N, C-alpha and C. Protein backbone atom coordinates (compact mmCIF):
# COMPACT_ATOMS: atom_id res chain seq x y z
N MET A 1 0.78 -1.15 -0.11
CA MET A 1 0.04 0.02 0.00
C MET A 1 0.73 1.18 0.02
N ALA A 2 0.38 2.21 -0.14
CA ALA A 2 1.12 3.57 -0.04
C ALA A 2 0.96 4.08 1.36
N LYS A 3 2.65 4.53 1.65
CA LYS A 3 2.80 5.32 2.78
C LYS A 3 2.72 6.66 2.87
N VAL A 4 2.04 7.35 4.24
CA VAL A 4 1.75 8.78 3.86
C VAL A 4 2.29 9.16 5.05
N LYS A 5 3.11 10.42 4.89
CA LYS A 5 3.69 11.08 6.09
C LYS A 5 3.06 12.35 6.05
N ILE A 6 2.18 12.71 7.32
CA ILE A 6 1.79 13.70 7.68
C ILE A 6 2.94 14.81 8.43
N CYS A 7 3.28 15.80 7.72
CA CYS A 7 4.43 16.57 7.94
C CYS A 7 3.90 18.16 8.69
N GLY A 8 4.76 18.64 9.81
CA GLY A 8 4.61 19.91 10.31
C GLY A 8 3.43 19.88 11.32
N LEU A 9 3.14 18.72 12.24
CA LEU A 9 2.32 18.87 13.34
C LEU A 9 2.60 19.74 14.57
N THR A 10 2.03 20.09 15.02
CA THR A 10 2.21 20.94 16.08
C THR A 10 1.06 20.94 17.21
N ASN A 11 -0.05 20.21 17.19
CA ASN A 11 -0.83 19.98 18.32
C ASN A 11 -1.40 18.42 18.54
N ILE A 12 -1.82 18.03 19.43
CA ILE A 12 -1.99 16.85 19.53
C ILE A 12 -3.70 16.41 18.50
N LYS A 13 -4.44 17.25 18.70
CA LYS A 13 -5.59 16.43 18.03
C LYS A 13 -5.25 16.31 16.58
N ASP A 14 -4.58 17.03 15.98
CA ASP A 14 -4.44 16.71 14.69
C ASP A 14 -3.26 15.49 14.73
N ALA A 15 -2.25 15.53 15.28
CA ALA A 15 -1.57 14.27 15.73
C ALA A 15 -2.27 12.89 15.64
N GLU A 16 -2.88 13.19 16.61
CA GLU A 16 -4.18 11.91 16.95
C GLU A 16 -4.60 11.69 15.55
N LYS A 17 -5.68 12.81 14.69
CA LYS A 17 -6.52 12.45 13.37
C LYS A 17 -5.78 11.83 12.60
N ALA A 18 -4.06 12.10 12.27
CA ALA A 18 -3.65 11.67 11.36
C ALA A 18 -3.28 10.15 11.57
N GLU A 19 -2.84 10.29 12.63
CA GLU A 19 -2.22 8.88 13.37
C GLU A 19 -3.50 7.66 13.06
N GLY A 20 -4.82 8.22 13.91
CA GLY A 20 -6.05 7.18 13.66
C GLY A 20 -6.66 7.01 12.04
N LEU A 21 -6.31 7.86 11.29
CA LEU A 21 -6.70 7.73 9.85
C LEU A 21 -5.73 7.14 9.02
N GLY A 22 -4.81 6.54 9.64
CA GLY A 22 -3.73 5.57 9.04
C GLY A 22 -2.33 6.33 8.66
N ALA A 23 -2.06 7.17 8.74
CA ALA A 23 -0.85 7.78 8.68
C ALA A 23 0.28 6.96 9.06
N ASP A 24 1.02 6.87 8.31
CA ASP A 24 2.54 5.74 8.48
C ASP A 24 3.76 6.48 9.23
N TYR A 25 3.70 7.86 9.00
CA TYR A 25 4.68 8.77 9.50
C TYR A 25 4.23 10.14 9.78
N LEU A 26 4.62 10.72 10.94
CA LEU A 26 4.18 11.78 11.50
C LEU A 26 5.58 12.67 11.79
N GLY A 27 5.35 13.72 11.02
CA GLY A 27 6.69 14.49 11.06
C GLY A 27 6.60 15.90 12.05
N PHE A 28 7.77 16.24 12.62
CA PHE A 28 7.60 17.32 13.53
C PHE A 28 8.64 18.19 13.56
N ILE A 29 8.72 19.41 13.25
CA ILE A 29 10.16 20.54 13.08
C ILE A 29 10.43 21.07 14.21
N PHE A 30 11.89 20.92 14.11
CA PHE A 30 12.79 21.08 15.36
C PHE A 30 13.58 22.39 14.66
N PHE A 31 13.48 22.99 13.74
CA PHE A 31 14.28 24.22 13.59
C PHE A 31 13.32 25.42 13.50
N ASP A 32 13.49 26.32 14.27
CA ASP A 32 12.69 27.80 14.72
C ASP A 32 12.18 28.52 13.80
N ASN A 33 13.01 28.58 12.25
CA ASN A 33 12.47 29.41 11.34
C ASN A 33 11.44 28.88 10.40
N SER A 34 10.94 27.74 10.81
CA SER A 34 9.52 27.32 10.19
C SER A 34 8.35 27.80 10.69
N PRO A 35 7.55 27.96 9.94
CA PRO A 35 5.91 28.76 10.57
C PRO A 35 5.22 26.82 11.64
N ARG A 36 5.67 26.13 11.24
CA ARG A 36 5.48 24.68 12.06
C ARG A 36 6.35 24.30 13.33
N PHE A 37 7.32 25.48 13.31
CA PHE A 37 7.96 24.86 14.55
C PHE A 37 7.00 24.97 15.76
N ILE A 38 7.48 24.01 17.09
CA ILE A 38 7.29 24.11 18.30
C ILE A 38 8.08 23.58 19.20
N PRO A 39 8.29 23.97 20.49
CA PRO A 39 9.25 23.63 21.01
C PRO A 39 9.40 21.90 21.50
N PRO A 40 10.37 21.55 21.19
CA PRO A 40 10.71 20.52 21.88
C PRO A 40 9.98 19.94 22.66
N ASP A 41 10.06 20.44 24.16
CA ASP A 41 9.09 19.78 25.24
C ASP A 41 7.91 19.37 24.75
N GLU A 42 7.16 20.37 23.75
CA GLU A 42 5.82 19.80 23.27
C GLU A 42 5.73 19.11 22.14
N ILE A 43 6.54 19.18 21.58
CA ILE A 43 6.79 17.59 21.04
C ILE A 43 6.88 16.41 21.39
N LYS A 44 7.68 16.49 22.69
CA LYS A 44 7.71 15.08 23.07
C LYS A 44 6.35 14.89 23.87
N ARG A 45 5.79 15.89 24.23
CA ARG A 45 4.42 15.95 24.82
C ARG A 45 3.49 15.17 23.76
N ILE A 46 3.31 15.87 22.95
CA ILE A 46 2.43 15.15 21.56
C ILE A 46 2.90 13.71 21.16
N ILE A 47 3.97 13.19 21.23
CA ILE A 47 4.51 12.04 21.44
C ILE A 47 4.12 10.75 22.33
N GLU A 48 4.37 11.59 23.03
CA GLU A 48 3.74 11.00 24.70
C GLU A 48 2.40 10.20 24.12
N SER A 49 1.59 11.38 23.74
CA SER A 49 0.07 11.06 24.18
C SER A 49 -0.37 10.28 23.02
N LEU A 50 0.81 9.56 22.28
CA LEU A 50 0.01 8.92 20.77
C LEU A 50 0.60 7.45 21.11
N HIS A 51 -0.68 6.74 21.03
CA HIS A 51 -0.18 5.38 21.14
C HIS A 51 -0.51 4.57 19.72
N GLY A 52 -0.29 4.80 18.90
CA GLY A 52 -0.75 3.83 17.37
C GLY A 52 0.66 3.65 17.06
N GLN A 53 0.84 2.92 15.72
CA GLN A 53 1.96 2.17 15.07
C GLN A 53 2.52 3.13 14.30
N SER A 54 2.22 4.61 14.24
CA SER A 54 3.17 5.71 13.35
C SER A 54 4.22 5.95 13.69
N LYS A 55 5.42 6.12 12.56
CA LYS A 55 6.42 6.40 12.85
C LYS A 55 6.40 8.02 12.94
N LYS A 56 7.60 8.54 14.07
CA LYS A 56 7.81 9.66 14.79
C LYS A 56 8.80 10.15 14.12
N VAL A 57 8.69 11.07 13.29
CA VAL A 57 10.02 11.87 12.29
C VAL A 57 10.20 13.63 12.79
N GLY A 58 11.85 13.17 13.44
CA GLY A 58 11.77 14.29 13.58
C GLY A 58 12.69 15.57 12.37
N LEU A 59 12.23 16.87 11.99
CA LEU A 59 12.65 17.36 11.09
C LEU A 59 14.05 18.09 11.60
N PHE A 60 15.13 18.28 11.31
CA PHE A 60 16.11 19.22 11.62
C PHE A 60 16.93 19.90 10.37
N LEU A 61 17.44 20.85 10.32
CA LEU A 61 18.12 21.75 9.33
C LEU A 61 19.43 22.29 9.71
N ASP A 62 20.75 21.49 9.25
CA ASP A 62 21.86 21.94 9.58
C ASP A 62 21.92 22.08 11.34
N GLN A 63 21.63 21.51 11.76
CA GLN A 63 22.08 21.87 13.34
C GLN A 63 23.15 20.89 14.13
N ASP A 64 23.43 21.63 15.04
CA ASP A 64 24.96 20.78 15.64
C ASP A 64 24.12 19.31 15.80
N ILE A 65 25.06 18.53 15.81
CA ILE A 65 24.94 16.85 15.40
C ILE A 65 24.49 16.47 17.19
N ASN A 66 25.26 17.26 18.15
CA ASN A 66 24.78 16.62 19.26
C ASN A 66 23.60 17.21 19.73
N PHE A 67 23.11 18.28 19.24
CA PHE A 67 21.50 18.75 19.32
C PHE A 67 20.41 17.58 18.75
N VAL A 68 20.82 17.32 17.74
CA VAL A 68 19.97 16.14 16.85
C VAL A 68 19.93 14.89 17.82
N ARG A 69 20.71 14.85 18.21
CA ARG A 69 20.98 13.14 18.60
C ARG A 69 20.30 13.39 20.20
N SER A 70 20.46 14.50 21.14
CA SER A 70 19.94 14.85 21.82
C SER A 70 18.44 14.53 21.96
N GLN A 71 17.81 15.79 21.18
CA GLN A 71 16.26 15.67 20.99
C GLN A 71 15.88 14.24 20.30
N ALA A 72 16.51 13.66 19.51
CA ALA A 72 15.93 12.44 19.18
C ALA A 72 15.74 11.38 20.09
N GLY A 73 16.65 11.24 21.20
CA GLY A 73 16.32 10.64 22.32
C GLY A 73 15.40 10.68 23.14
N THR A 74 15.20 12.10 23.44
CA THR A 74 14.36 12.90 24.35
C THR A 74 13.03 12.27 23.68
N CYS A 75 12.96 12.77 22.71
CA CYS A 75 11.41 12.86 22.15
C CYS A 75 11.50 11.21 21.92
N LYS A 76 12.05 10.18 21.68
CA LYS A 76 11.84 9.34 21.32
C LYS A 76 11.28 9.14 20.08
N LEU A 77 12.01 9.74 19.15
CA LEU A 77 11.85 9.76 17.39
C LEU A 77 12.05 8.21 17.03
N ASP A 78 11.20 7.61 16.00
CA ASP A 78 11.94 6.81 15.45
C ASP A 78 12.85 6.84 14.25
N VAL A 79 12.76 8.45 13.65
CA VAL A 79 13.23 8.80 12.25
C VAL A 79 13.85 10.51 12.52
N VAL A 80 14.96 10.22 12.10
CA VAL A 80 15.64 11.49 11.93
C VAL A 80 15.53 12.03 10.62
N GLN A 81 14.93 12.90 10.24
CA GLN A 81 14.98 13.71 8.97
C GLN A 81 15.92 15.19 8.78
N LEU A 82 17.00 14.79 7.78
CA LEU A 82 17.91 15.73 7.74
C LEU A 82 17.31 16.62 6.62
N HIS A 83 17.17 17.99 6.62
CA HIS A 83 16.38 18.57 5.49
C HIS A 83 17.35 19.87 5.03
N GLY A 84 18.53 19.87 5.64
CA GLY A 84 19.10 20.79 5.05
C GLY A 84 20.63 20.41 4.31
N THR A 85 22.09 21.14 4.34
CA THR A 85 22.90 20.84 3.81
C THR A 85 23.69 19.77 4.56
N GLU A 86 23.22 18.92 5.54
CA GLU A 86 24.41 18.21 6.06
C GLU A 86 25.22 17.23 4.92
N SER A 87 26.04 16.96 5.64
CA SER A 87 27.26 16.22 5.04
C SER A 87 27.10 14.73 4.84
N PRO A 88 27.92 14.08 3.66
CA PRO A 88 27.63 12.58 3.64
C PRO A 88 28.38 12.12 5.43
N GLY A 89 29.42 12.76 5.78
CA GLY A 89 29.98 12.41 6.96
C GLY A 89 28.67 12.46 8.16
N TYR A 90 28.31 13.65 8.55
CA TYR A 90 27.08 14.09 9.28
C TYR A 90 26.16 12.71 8.98
N VAL A 91 25.52 12.78 8.04
CA VAL A 91 24.46 11.61 7.84
C VAL A 91 25.09 10.21 8.23
N GLY A 92 26.15 9.92 8.28
CA GLY A 92 26.78 8.61 8.68
C GLY A 92 27.00 8.50 10.00
N GLU A 93 27.41 9.51 10.72
CA GLU A 93 27.34 9.74 12.26
C GLU A 93 25.86 9.28 12.89
N LEU A 94 25.01 9.92 12.59
CA LEU A 94 23.96 9.97 13.20
C LEU A 94 23.37 8.43 12.55
N LYS A 95 23.63 8.00 11.60
CA LYS A 95 23.07 6.54 11.41
C LYS A 95 23.65 5.69 12.06
N LYS A 96 24.46 5.73 12.74
CA LYS A 96 25.19 4.83 13.91
C LYS A 96 23.84 4.80 15.09
N ASP A 97 22.94 5.65 15.21
CA ASP A 97 21.93 5.42 15.95
C ASP A 97 20.53 5.83 15.75
N PHE A 98 20.50 5.91 14.43
CA PHE A 98 18.90 6.36 14.18
C PHE A 98 18.48 6.55 12.76
N THR A 99 17.66 5.76 12.11
CA THR A 99 17.11 5.81 10.96
C THR A 99 17.06 6.77 10.63
N VAL A 100 17.70 7.55 9.07
CA VAL A 100 18.02 8.29 8.77
C VAL A 100 17.31 8.98 7.53
N ILE A 101 16.50 10.06 7.05
CA ILE A 101 16.12 10.84 6.07
C ILE A 101 16.79 11.44 5.38
N LYS A 102 17.66 11.99 4.42
CA LYS A 102 17.95 12.74 3.96
C LYS A 102 17.33 13.37 2.57
N THR A 103 17.20 14.51 2.98
CA THR A 103 16.23 15.41 1.78
C THR A 103 17.05 16.21 0.94
N PHE A 104 16.82 16.34 -0.49
CA PHE A 104 17.27 16.78 -1.48
C PHE A 104 16.28 17.40 -2.06
N ARG A 105 16.31 18.99 -2.27
CA ARG A 105 15.61 19.82 -3.01
C ARG A 105 15.91 20.09 -4.39
N LEU A 106 14.68 19.83 -5.10
CA LEU A 106 15.10 19.65 -6.77
C LEU A 106 14.85 21.06 -7.76
N LYS A 107 15.57 21.06 -8.49
CA LYS A 107 15.32 22.13 -9.47
C LYS A 107 15.77 21.46 -10.97
N GLU A 108 15.44 22.37 -12.13
CA GLU A 108 16.32 21.89 -12.99
C GLU A 108 17.78 22.27 -13.10
N GLY A 109 18.24 20.76 -13.60
CA GLY A 109 19.69 20.95 -13.49
C GLY A 109 20.10 19.58 -12.62
N PHE A 110 19.43 19.68 -11.04
CA PHE A 110 19.72 18.71 -10.41
C PHE A 110 20.68 18.02 -10.86
N ASP A 111 22.08 17.46 -9.63
CA ASP A 111 22.65 16.72 -10.14
C ASP A 111 22.64 15.22 -9.34
N PHE A 112 22.04 14.51 -10.16
CA PHE A 112 21.59 13.12 -8.91
C PHE A 112 22.86 12.24 -8.58
N ASN A 113 23.66 12.74 -9.44
CA ASN A 113 25.30 12.02 -8.56
C ASN A 113 25.43 12.39 -7.16
N VAL A 114 24.45 13.55 -6.80
CA VAL A 114 25.28 13.45 -5.11
C VAL A 114 24.79 12.55 -4.31
N LEU A 115 23.84 12.17 -5.13
CA LEU A 115 23.14 10.82 -3.94
C LEU A 115 24.31 9.79 -3.72
N ARG A 116 25.07 9.47 -4.59
CA ARG A 116 26.05 8.43 -4.37
C ARG A 116 26.61 8.99 -2.93
N SER A 117 26.68 9.81 -2.88
CA SER A 117 27.85 10.00 -1.70
C SER A 117 27.13 10.00 -0.20
N TYR A 118 25.75 9.81 -0.31
CA TYR A 118 24.81 9.44 0.81
C TYR A 118 24.49 8.25 0.96
N GLU A 119 25.27 7.28 1.08
CA GLU A 119 25.26 6.29 1.06
C GLU A 119 24.24 5.63 2.40
N ALA A 120 24.69 6.59 3.59
CA ALA A 120 24.36 5.97 4.73
C ALA A 120 22.71 6.24 5.01
N ALA A 121 22.23 6.83 4.12
CA ALA A 121 20.85 7.40 4.63
C ALA A 121 20.08 5.90 4.36
N ASP A 122 19.01 6.29 5.09
CA ASP A 122 18.06 5.03 4.86
C ASP A 122 16.83 5.46 3.53
N PHE A 123 16.92 6.39 3.66
CA PHE A 123 15.63 7.03 2.87
C PHE A 123 16.52 8.40 2.00
N TYR A 124 15.71 8.42 0.85
CA TYR A 124 15.91 9.92 0.07
C TYR A 124 14.65 10.58 0.15
N LEU A 125 14.68 11.62 0.17
CA LEU A 125 13.26 12.46 0.55
C LEU A 125 13.74 13.56 -0.83
N PHE A 126 12.73 13.95 -1.58
CA PHE A 126 12.63 14.92 -2.69
C PHE A 126 11.81 15.97 -2.50
N ASP A 127 12.31 17.23 -2.47
CA ASP A 127 11.19 18.21 -2.07
C ASP A 127 11.44 19.54 -3.34
N THR A 128 10.81 20.21 -2.95
CA THR A 128 10.89 21.72 -4.17
C THR A 128 11.64 22.60 -3.28
N PHE A 129 12.79 22.88 -4.58
CA PHE A 129 13.69 23.63 -4.20
C PHE A 129 13.00 25.26 -4.30
N VAL A 130 13.24 26.06 -3.47
CA VAL A 130 12.38 27.70 -3.53
C VAL A 130 13.79 28.28 -2.72
N LYS A 131 14.45 29.04 -3.19
CA LYS A 131 15.52 29.85 -2.54
C LYS A 131 15.17 30.54 -1.53
N GLY A 132 15.77 30.56 -0.13
CA GLY A 132 15.56 30.61 1.10
C GLY A 132 14.65 30.20 1.79
N VAL A 133 14.10 29.08 1.24
CA VAL A 133 12.82 28.45 1.97
C VAL A 133 13.14 26.89 2.26
N ALA A 134 12.92 26.60 3.70
CA ALA A 134 13.60 25.07 3.78
C ALA A 134 12.47 23.70 3.13
N GLY A 135 11.33 24.50 3.38
CA GLY A 135 10.45 23.55 2.85
C GLY A 135 8.59 23.59 2.86
N GLY A 136 7.63 23.14 3.04
CA GLY A 136 6.71 23.88 3.22
C GLY A 136 6.10 24.86 2.63
N THR A 137 6.59 24.71 1.11
CA THR A 137 6.07 25.58 0.30
C THR A 137 4.94 25.82 -0.57
N GLY A 138 3.88 24.58 -0.34
CA GLY A 138 2.90 24.20 -1.27
C GLY A 138 3.54 24.51 -2.94
N ILE A 139 4.24 24.36 -3.30
CA ILE A 139 4.75 24.58 -4.63
C ILE A 139 5.36 22.70 -4.89
N PRO A 140 4.73 22.20 -6.04
CA PRO A 140 5.63 21.16 -6.42
C PRO A 140 6.65 21.47 -7.24
N PHE A 141 7.47 20.63 -7.58
CA PHE A 141 8.45 20.88 -8.37
C PHE A 141 7.88 19.79 -9.70
N ASP A 142 8.72 19.92 -10.92
CA ASP A 142 8.63 19.16 -12.44
C ASP A 142 8.90 17.57 -11.66
N TRP A 143 8.03 16.96 -11.68
CA TRP A 143 7.90 15.09 -11.35
C TRP A 143 8.68 14.69 -12.55
N GLY A 144 8.83 15.18 -13.71
CA GLY A 144 9.26 14.65 -14.51
C GLY A 144 10.94 14.34 -14.54
N LEU A 145 11.44 15.09 -13.39
CA LEU A 145 12.92 15.34 -12.76
C LEU A 145 13.00 13.69 -12.34
N LEU A 146 11.93 12.85 -11.75
CA LEU A 146 12.29 11.57 -11.33
C LEU A 146 11.80 10.74 -12.12
N GLU A 147 10.73 10.98 -13.13
CA GLU A 147 10.37 9.88 -13.92
C GLU A 147 11.10 8.85 -14.53
N GLY A 148 11.13 7.78 -14.35
CA GLY A 148 11.90 6.79 -14.84
C GLY A 148 13.45 6.56 -14.32
N LYS A 149 13.30 7.29 -13.08
CA LYS A 149 14.86 7.20 -12.37
C LYS A 149 14.20 5.96 -11.05
N SER A 150 15.40 5.36 -10.83
CA SER A 150 15.45 3.93 -9.81
C SER A 150 16.62 4.68 -8.69
N PHE A 151 16.45 4.26 -7.67
CA PHE A 151 17.32 4.57 -6.72
C PHE A 151 17.42 3.60 -5.70
N ASP A 152 18.81 3.50 -5.15
CA ASP A 152 18.95 2.43 -4.22
C ASP A 152 18.51 2.79 -2.82
N LYS A 153 18.01 3.60 -2.54
CA LYS A 153 16.96 4.04 -1.36
C LYS A 153 15.62 4.28 -1.75
N PRO A 154 14.65 3.66 -0.98
CA PRO A 154 13.31 3.98 -0.73
C PRO A 154 13.01 5.75 -1.13
N MET A 155 11.83 6.01 -2.06
CA MET A 155 11.91 7.36 -1.90
C MET A 155 10.96 7.98 -1.12
N PHE A 156 10.88 9.21 -0.22
CA PHE A 156 9.74 9.97 -0.33
C PHE A 156 9.67 11.21 -1.19
N LEU A 157 8.13 11.15 -1.37
CA LEU A 157 8.40 12.28 -2.29
C LEU A 157 6.96 13.78 -1.51
N ALA A 158 7.98 15.12 -1.72
CA ALA A 158 7.31 15.87 -1.07
C ALA A 158 7.03 17.33 -1.78
N GLY A 159 6.59 18.17 -1.50
CA GLY A 159 6.59 19.41 -2.30
C GLY A 159 5.12 19.65 -2.98
N GLY A 160 4.69 20.70 -2.43
CA GLY A 160 3.00 20.86 -3.18
C GLY A 160 2.05 20.00 -3.03
N LEU A 161 1.95 18.36 -2.74
CA LEU A 161 0.86 17.81 -2.91
C LEU A 161 -0.12 17.89 -2.09
N ASN A 162 -1.45 17.95 -2.79
CA ASN A 162 -2.68 17.70 -1.89
C ASN A 162 -3.56 16.88 -2.47
N PRO A 163 -4.62 16.70 -1.78
CA PRO A 163 -5.99 15.37 -2.01
C PRO A 163 -5.99 15.66 -3.90
N ASP A 164 -5.66 16.56 -4.51
CA ASP A 164 -6.47 16.87 -5.96
C ASP A 164 -4.92 16.60 -6.69
N ASN A 165 -3.75 16.45 -6.27
CA ASN A 165 -2.87 16.15 -7.33
C ASN A 165 -2.03 14.69 -6.72
N VAL A 166 -2.20 14.46 -5.51
CA VAL A 166 -1.52 13.30 -5.06
C VAL A 166 -1.80 11.96 -5.99
N ARG A 167 -3.15 11.83 -6.81
CA ARG A 167 -2.71 10.61 -7.59
C ARG A 167 -2.26 10.29 -8.66
N HIS A 168 -1.94 12.02 -8.98
CA HIS A 168 -1.11 11.91 -10.17
C HIS A 168 0.33 12.04 -9.79
N ALA A 169 0.71 12.61 -9.00
CA ALA A 169 2.32 12.47 -8.47
C ALA A 169 2.44 10.63 -8.32
N ILE A 170 1.55 9.92 -7.94
CA ILE A 170 1.80 8.48 -7.50
C ILE A 170 1.92 7.79 -8.75
N ASP A 171 0.97 8.26 -9.91
CA ASP A 171 1.35 7.69 -10.58
C ASP A 171 2.42 7.88 -11.78
N ARG A 172 2.80 8.92 -11.68
CA ARG A 172 4.16 9.75 -12.59
C ARG A 172 5.43 8.81 -11.60
N VAL A 173 5.49 9.21 -10.42
CA VAL A 173 6.58 9.22 -9.91
C VAL A 173 7.25 7.72 -9.12
N ARG A 174 5.84 7.06 -8.74
CA ARG A 174 5.75 5.62 -7.89
C ARG A 174 6.69 5.96 -6.78
N PRO A 175 6.43 7.07 -5.82
CA PRO A 175 7.09 7.05 -4.48
C PRO A 175 6.70 5.90 -3.57
N PHE A 176 7.67 5.73 -2.34
CA PHE A 176 7.48 5.19 -1.57
C PHE A 176 6.53 5.05 -0.35
N VAL A 177 6.39 6.89 -0.21
CA VAL A 177 5.86 7.50 0.90
C VAL A 177 5.71 8.86 -0.20
N VAL A 178 4.39 9.38 0.21
CA VAL A 178 3.95 10.66 -0.10
C VAL A 178 3.97 11.53 1.21
N ASP A 179 4.58 12.86 1.12
CA ASP A 179 4.65 13.22 2.22
C ASP A 179 3.78 14.93 2.20
N VAL A 180 3.17 15.09 3.15
CA VAL A 180 2.35 16.48 2.77
C VAL A 180 2.15 17.41 4.21
N ALA A 181 2.05 18.89 4.00
CA ALA A 181 2.34 19.28 4.95
C ALA A 181 1.25 20.33 4.80
N SER A 182 1.35 21.76 4.12
CA SER A 182 0.78 22.62 3.79
C SER A 182 -0.60 22.15 3.23
N GLY A 183 -0.47 20.85 2.01
CA GLY A 183 -1.92 20.52 1.65
C GLY A 183 -2.83 20.30 2.15
N VAL A 184 -2.67 19.93 3.29
CA VAL A 184 -3.74 19.46 4.25
C VAL A 184 -4.27 20.50 5.27
N GLU A 185 -3.93 21.95 4.92
CA GLU A 185 -3.90 22.69 6.41
C GLU A 185 -4.90 23.66 6.20
N LYS A 186 -5.49 24.15 7.12
CA LYS A 186 -6.34 25.15 6.72
C LYS A 186 -5.50 26.91 7.52
N MET A 187 -4.51 26.76 7.68
CA MET A 187 -3.30 27.57 8.00
C MET A 187 -2.16 27.05 8.55
N PRO A 188 -0.70 27.31 8.42
CA PRO A 188 0.19 26.72 8.78
C PRO A 188 0.18 26.23 10.42
N GLY A 189 0.22 24.83 10.29
CA GLY A 189 0.32 24.21 11.52
C GLY A 189 -0.63 23.64 11.94
N LYS A 190 -1.85 24.42 11.32
CA LYS A 190 -3.35 23.93 11.81
C LYS A 190 -3.82 22.65 10.60
N LYS A 191 -4.16 21.71 10.72
CA LYS A 191 -4.57 20.62 9.75
C LYS A 191 -5.98 20.81 9.46
N ASP A 192 -6.49 20.59 8.29
CA ASP A 192 -7.82 20.44 7.96
C ASP A 192 -8.12 18.99 7.88
N HIS A 193 -8.85 18.65 8.95
CA HIS A 193 -9.20 17.57 8.92
C HIS A 193 -9.94 16.44 7.80
N ILE A 194 -10.69 17.12 7.13
CA ILE A 194 -11.32 16.58 5.95
C ILE A 194 -10.37 16.41 4.94
N LEU A 195 -9.31 17.44 4.47
CA LEU A 195 -8.39 17.38 3.52
C LEU A 195 -7.59 16.24 4.33
N LEU A 196 -7.43 16.09 5.08
CA LEU A 196 -6.13 15.28 5.66
C LEU A 196 -6.90 13.79 5.36
N GLU A 197 -7.89 13.74 5.48
CA GLU A 197 -8.83 12.42 5.87
C GLU A 197 -8.67 12.07 4.35
N LYS A 198 -8.86 12.83 3.05
CA LYS A 198 -9.28 12.72 1.79
C LYS A 198 -7.79 12.28 1.36
N PHE A 199 -6.62 13.12 1.65
CA PHE A 199 -5.48 12.77 1.19
C PHE A 199 -4.77 11.29 1.41
N ILE A 200 -5.11 11.13 2.62
CA ILE A 200 -4.68 9.40 3.16
C ILE A 200 -5.56 8.46 2.29
N LYS A 201 -6.59 8.82 2.13
CA LYS A 201 -7.55 7.82 1.52
C LYS A 201 -7.06 7.55 0.19
N ILE A 202 -7.31 8.57 -0.62
CA ILE A 202 -6.61 8.79 -2.06
C ILE A 202 -5.10 7.97 -2.16
N ALA A 203 -4.28 8.37 -1.35
CA ALA A 203 -2.93 7.87 -1.79
C ALA A 203 -2.70 6.45 -1.38
N LYS A 204 -3.64 6.28 -0.36
CA LYS A 204 -3.31 4.58 0.15
C LYS A 204 -4.12 3.72 -1.01
N THR A 205 -5.17 4.08 -1.63
CA THR A 205 -6.02 3.29 -2.67
C THR A 205 -5.29 3.39 -3.59
N GLU A 206 -4.72 4.55 -4.31
CA GLU A 206 -4.40 4.54 -5.77
C GLU A 206 -2.70 3.89 -5.56
N TYR A 207 -1.81 3.90 -4.19
CA TYR A 207 -0.66 3.03 -4.68
C TYR A 207 -0.76 1.96 -4.26
N SER A 208 -1.78 1.20 -3.95
CA SER A 208 -2.28 -0.32 -3.77
C SER A 208 -2.90 -0.70 -4.98
N ASN A 209 -3.42 -0.11 -5.63
CA ASN A 209 -4.21 -0.22 -7.46
C ASN A 209 -3.00 -0.57 -8.53
N ASN A 210 -1.77 0.61 -7.98
CA ASN A 210 -0.86 0.81 -9.04
C ASN A 210 0.59 0.18 -8.80
N ASN A 211 0.42 -0.29 -7.79
CA ASN A 211 1.93 -1.07 -7.10
C ASN A 211 1.40 -2.48 -6.57
N SER A 212 0.30 -3.43 -7.18
CA SER A 212 -0.20 -4.80 -6.59
C SER A 212 1.14 -5.98 -7.25
N LYS A 213 2.22 -5.43 -8.03
CA LYS A 213 2.89 -6.69 -8.10
C LYS A 213 3.64 -7.44 -7.28
């Protein structure tokens, strides 16, 4: 089946709803220049309130590796997502203790050979490149950049996904996980539960139908 990551969660109500609807990954942002940032102690409280099977993901952006280790341990994260320009060595060090997603922001001319240096990562995540913006832009990139490509890691697809385009994205790119934040929100950090349910239902049904081999 499709796997779904709901990102930029900021409160217990939205996190519980996403988990109850079958989200496979729940994302929490640990860098404070995001409109979806909440303090780590709040993230810890939300995670402790959840009792489902979803994986808890912490998003970090070029932060000190000891801070990442500390917060990932304290908040009991299942996965660390590195969303900045972290080096292959940085990824390798974190991989000793955590499952790691490494993000790459795509635009025309992106050199996919860069991925070869990041063998330590467990997953690749592809998001939209917007200068000066780390993520959550609500803007899709050209999915044609990924069409026909295969990678040695499972792929997360992010960047402007919503209930209206996620089916088309899955058909073209065949990602392992579709990752959404702004596409299921009323406002930054506040999820629209109707959109949340619609997105998860469409993504999971469509991926199951198209990947039944």
